[in-house]
């Protein structure tokens, strides 16, 4: 098995699982599609980061999009679950990835 960045991989699995749970609990096909798609992109990003710690572009863009979308949904609904949680986790990933990008020369 190819090495991956474990923190990014855990985040990817969380996002994908959230999309699957949205489908199972509410029958939300958009949640399933976006959760699995974003989870897969993040998992590939975790692989890229393991190969080159400066190669955070895909993971950074994906987590930034999730931060914006889920932050907007949280602001409109006021419900922490799931929008607030995913928005907060995504913001933490954006900060971590920006730090990785700026720290590696």
C-alpha atoms as a PDB file:
ATOM      1  CA  UNK A   1       0.000   0.000   0.000  1.00  0.00           C
ATOM      2  CA  UNK A   2       1.295   3.446  -0.911  1.00  0.00           C
ATOM      3  CA  UNK A   3       2.066   5.809   1.958  1.00  0.00           C
ATOM      4  CA  UNK A   4      -0.370   8.646   2.627  1.00  0.00           C
ATOM      5  CA  UNK A   5      -0.439  11.645   4.930  1.00  0.00           C
ATOM      6  CA  UNK A   6      -2.423  10.192   7.837  1.00  0.00           C
ATOM      7  CA  UNK A   7      -4.084  13.400   9.032  1.00  0.00           C
ATOM      8  CA  UNK A   8      -5.306  14.241   5.537  1.00  0.00           C
ATOM      9  CA  UNK A   9      -6.417  10.636   4.997  1.00  0.00           C
ATOM     10  CA  UNK A  10      -8.403  10.679   8.254  1.00  0.00           C
ATOM     11  CA  UNK A  11     -10.076  13.924   7.182  1.00  0.00           C
ATOM     12  CA  UNK A  12     -10.850  12.390   3.760  1.00  0.00           C
ATOM     13  CA  UNK A  13     -12.438   9.348   5.399  1.00  0.00           C
ATOM     14  CA  UNK A  14     -14.501  11.601   7.686  1.00  0.00           C
ATOM     15  CA  UNK A  15     -15.813  13.645   4.755  1.00  0.00           C
ATOM     16  CA  UNK A  16     -16.683  10.519   2.746  1.00  0.00           C
ATOM     17  CA  UNK A  17     -18.360   8.892   5.759  1.00  0.00           C
ATOM     18  CA  UNK A  18     -20.382  12.060   6.324  1.00  0.00           C
ATOM     19  CA  UNK A  19     -21.653  11.963   2.760  1.00  0.00           C
ATOM     20  CA  UNK A  20     -22.605   8.315   3.132  1.00  0.00           C
ATOM     21  CA  UNK A  21     -24.381   9.030   6.432  1.00  0.00           C
ATOM     22  CA  UNK A  22     -26.312  11.879   4.810  1.00  0.00           C
ATOM     23  CA  UNK A  23     -27.554   9.443   2.199  1.00  0.00           C
ATOM     24  CA  UNK A  24     -28.366   6.673   4.689  1.00  0.00           C
ATOM     25  CA  UNK A  25     -30.197   8.935   7.169  1.00  0.00           C
ATOM     26  CA  UNK A  26     -31.980  11.305   4.812  1.00  0.00           C
ATOM     27  CA  UNK A  27     -31.680   9.793   1.360  1.00  0.00           C
ATOM     28  CA  UNK A  28     -29.637  12.796   0.207  1.00  0.00           C
ATOM     29  CA  UNK A  29     -28.007  11.927  -3.112  1.00  0.00           C
ATOM     30  CA  UNK A  30     -26.150  15.295  -3.256  1.00  0.00           C
ATOM     31  CA  UNK A  31     -24.595  14.561   0.161  1.00  0.00           C
ATOM     32  CA  UNK A  32     -23.495  11.150  -1.048  1.00  0.00           C
ATOM     33  CA  UNK A  33     -22.072  12.492  -4.309  1.00  0.00           C
ATOM     34  CA  UNK A  34     -20.235  15.439  -2.783  1.00  0.00           C
ATOM     35  CA  UNK A  35     -19.028  13.545   0.292  1.00  0.00           C
ATOM     36  CA  UNK A  36     -17.580  10.672  -1.694  1.00  0.00           C
ATOM     37  CA  UNK A  37     -16.151  12.960  -4.395  1.00  0.00           C
ATOM     38  CA  UNK A  38     -14.497  15.334  -1.916  1.00  0.00           C
ATOM     39  CA  UNK A  39     -13.306  12.383   0.185  1.00  0.00           C
ATOM     40  CA  UNK A  40     -11.710  10.776  -2.874  1.00  0.00           C
ATOM     41  CA  UNK A  41     -10.036  14.049  -3.904  1.00  0.00           C
ATOM     42  CA  UNK A  42      -8.708  14.506  -0.375  1.00  0.00           C
ATOM     43  CA  UNK A  43      -7.429  10.908  -0.277  1.00  0.00           C
ATOM     44  CA  UNK A  44      -5.532  11.514  -3.512  1.00  0.00           C
ATOM     45  CA  UNK A  45      -4.265  14.740  -1.951  1.00  0.00           C
ATOM     46  CA  UNK A  46      -3.060  12.713   1.058  1.00  0.00           C
ATOM     47  CA  UNK A  47      -1.105  10.502  -1.332  1.00  0.00           C
ATOM     48  CA  UNK A  48       0.391  13.546  -3.085  1.00  0.00           C
ATOM     49  CA  UNK A  49       1.450  15.074   0.240  1.00  0.00           C
ATOM     50  CA  UNK A  50       3.179  11.834   1.244  1.00  0.00           C
ATOM     51  CA  UNK A  51       5.129  11.902  -2.024  1.00  0.00           C
ATOM     52  CA  UNK A  52       6.031  15.602  -1.813  1.00  0.00           C
ATOM     53  CA  UNK A  53       5.089  17.588   1.338  1.00  0.00           C
ATOM     54  CA  UNK A  54       4.904  20.794  -0.750  1.00  0.00           C
ATOM     55  CA  UNK A  55       2.298  19.349  -3.125  1.00  0.00           C
ATOM     56  CA  UNK A  56      -0.781  20.452  -1.180  1.00  0.00           C
ATOM     57  CA  UNK A  57      -2.680  22.230  -3.962  1.00  0.00           C
ATOM     58  CA  UNK A  58      -5.446  19.665  -4.540  1.00  0.00           C
ATOM     59  CA  UNK A  59      -6.039  19.058  -0.839  1.00  0.00           C
ATOM     60  CA  UNK A  60      -5.914  22.787  -0.085  1.00  0.00           C
ATOM     61  CA  UNK A  61      -8.436  23.727  -2.779  1.00  0.00           C
ATOM     62  CA  UNK A  62     -10.781  20.882  -1.820  1.00  0.00           C
ATOM     63  CA  UNK A  63     -10.734  21.734   1.880  1.00  0.00           C
ATOM     64  CA  UNK A  64     -11.111  25.461   1.105  1.00  0.00           C
ATOM     65  CA  UNK A  65     -14.210  24.746  -1.009  1.00  0.00           C
ATOM     66  CA  UNK A  66     -15.642  22.608   1.799  1.00  0.00           C
ATOM     67  CA  UNK A  67     -14.884  25.376   4.304  1.00  0.00           C
ATOM     68  CA  UNK A  68     -16.802  27.891   2.221  1.00  0.00           C
ATOM     69  CA  UNK A  69     -19.777  25.672   1.377  1.00  0.00           C
ATOM     70  CA  UNK A  70     -20.234  24.176   4.821  1.00  0.00           C
ATOM     71  CA  UNK A  71     -19.495  27.473   6.569  1.00  0.00           C
ATOM     72  CA  UNK A  72     -22.220  29.099   4.467  1.00  0.00           C
ATOM     73  CA  UNK A  73     -24.649  26.297   5.296  1.00  0.00           C
ATOM     74  CA  UNK A  74     -23.825  26.598   9.004  1.00  0.00           C
ATOM     75  CA  UNK A  75     -24.301  30.370   8.931  1.00  0.00           C
ATOM     76  CA  UNK A  76     -27.720  29.953   7.309  1.00  0.00           C
ATOM     77  CA  UNK A  77     -28.986  27.054   9.420  1.00  0.00           C
ATOM     78  CA  UNK A  78     -27.223  27.635  12.735  1.00  0.00           C
ATOM     79  CA  UNK A  79     -26.974  23.838  13.104  1.00  0.00           C
ATOM     80  CA  UNK A  80     -23.582  22.546  14.153  1.00  0.00           C
ATOM     81  CA  UNK A  81     -24.221  19.051  12.806  1.00  0.00           C
ATOM     82  CA  UNK A  82     -23.148  18.395  10.138  1.00  0.00           C
ATOM     83  CA  UNK A  83     -22.387  21.745   8.492  1.00  0.00           C
ATOM     84  CA  UNK A  84     -20.638  23.383  11.450  1.00  0.00           C
ATOM     85  CA  UNK A  85     -18.500  20.339  12.198  1.00  0.00           C
ATOM     86  CA  UNK A  86     -17.392  19.822   8.597  1.00  0.00           C
ATOM     87  CA  UNK A  87     -16.820  23.564   8.199  1.00  0.00           C
ATOM     88  CA  UNK A  88     -14.643  23.673  11.324  1.00  0.00           C
ATOM     89  CA  UNK A  89     -12.659  20.558  10.349  1.00  0.00           C
ATOM     90  CA  UNK A  90     -12.190  21.949   6.850  1.00  0.00           C
ATOM     91  CA  UNK A  91     -10.948  25.277   8.187  1.00  0.00           C
ATOM     92  CA  UNK A  92      -8.435  23.433  10.379  1.00  0.00           C
ATOM     93  CA  UNK A  93      -7.258  21.493   7.311  1.00  0.00           C
ATOM     94  CA  UNK A  94      -6.864  24.714   5.331  1.00  0.00           C
ATOM     95  CA  UNK A  95      -4.697  26.131   8.130  1.00  0.00           C
ATOM     96  CA  UNK A  96      -2.624  22.938   8.383  1.00  0.00           C
ATOM     97  CA  UNK A  97      -2.094  22.702   4.628  1.00  0.00           C
ATOM     98  CA  UNK A  98      -1.187  26.384   4.349  1.00  0.00           C
ATOM     99  CA  UNK A  99       1.346  25.832   7.133  1.00  0.00           C
ATOM    100  CA  UNK A 100       2.803  22.797   5.320  1.00  0.00           C
ATOM    101  CA  UNK A 101       3.024  24.785   2.094  1.00  0.00           C
ATOM    102  CA  UNK A 102       4.746  27.752   3.722  1.00  0.00           C
ATOM    103  CA  UNK A 103       7.069  25.698   5.943  1.00  0.00           C
ATOM    104  CA  UNK A 104       8.610  23.462   3.304  1.00  0.00           C
ATOM    105  CA  UNK A 105      11.260  24.929   1.045  1.00  0.00           C
END
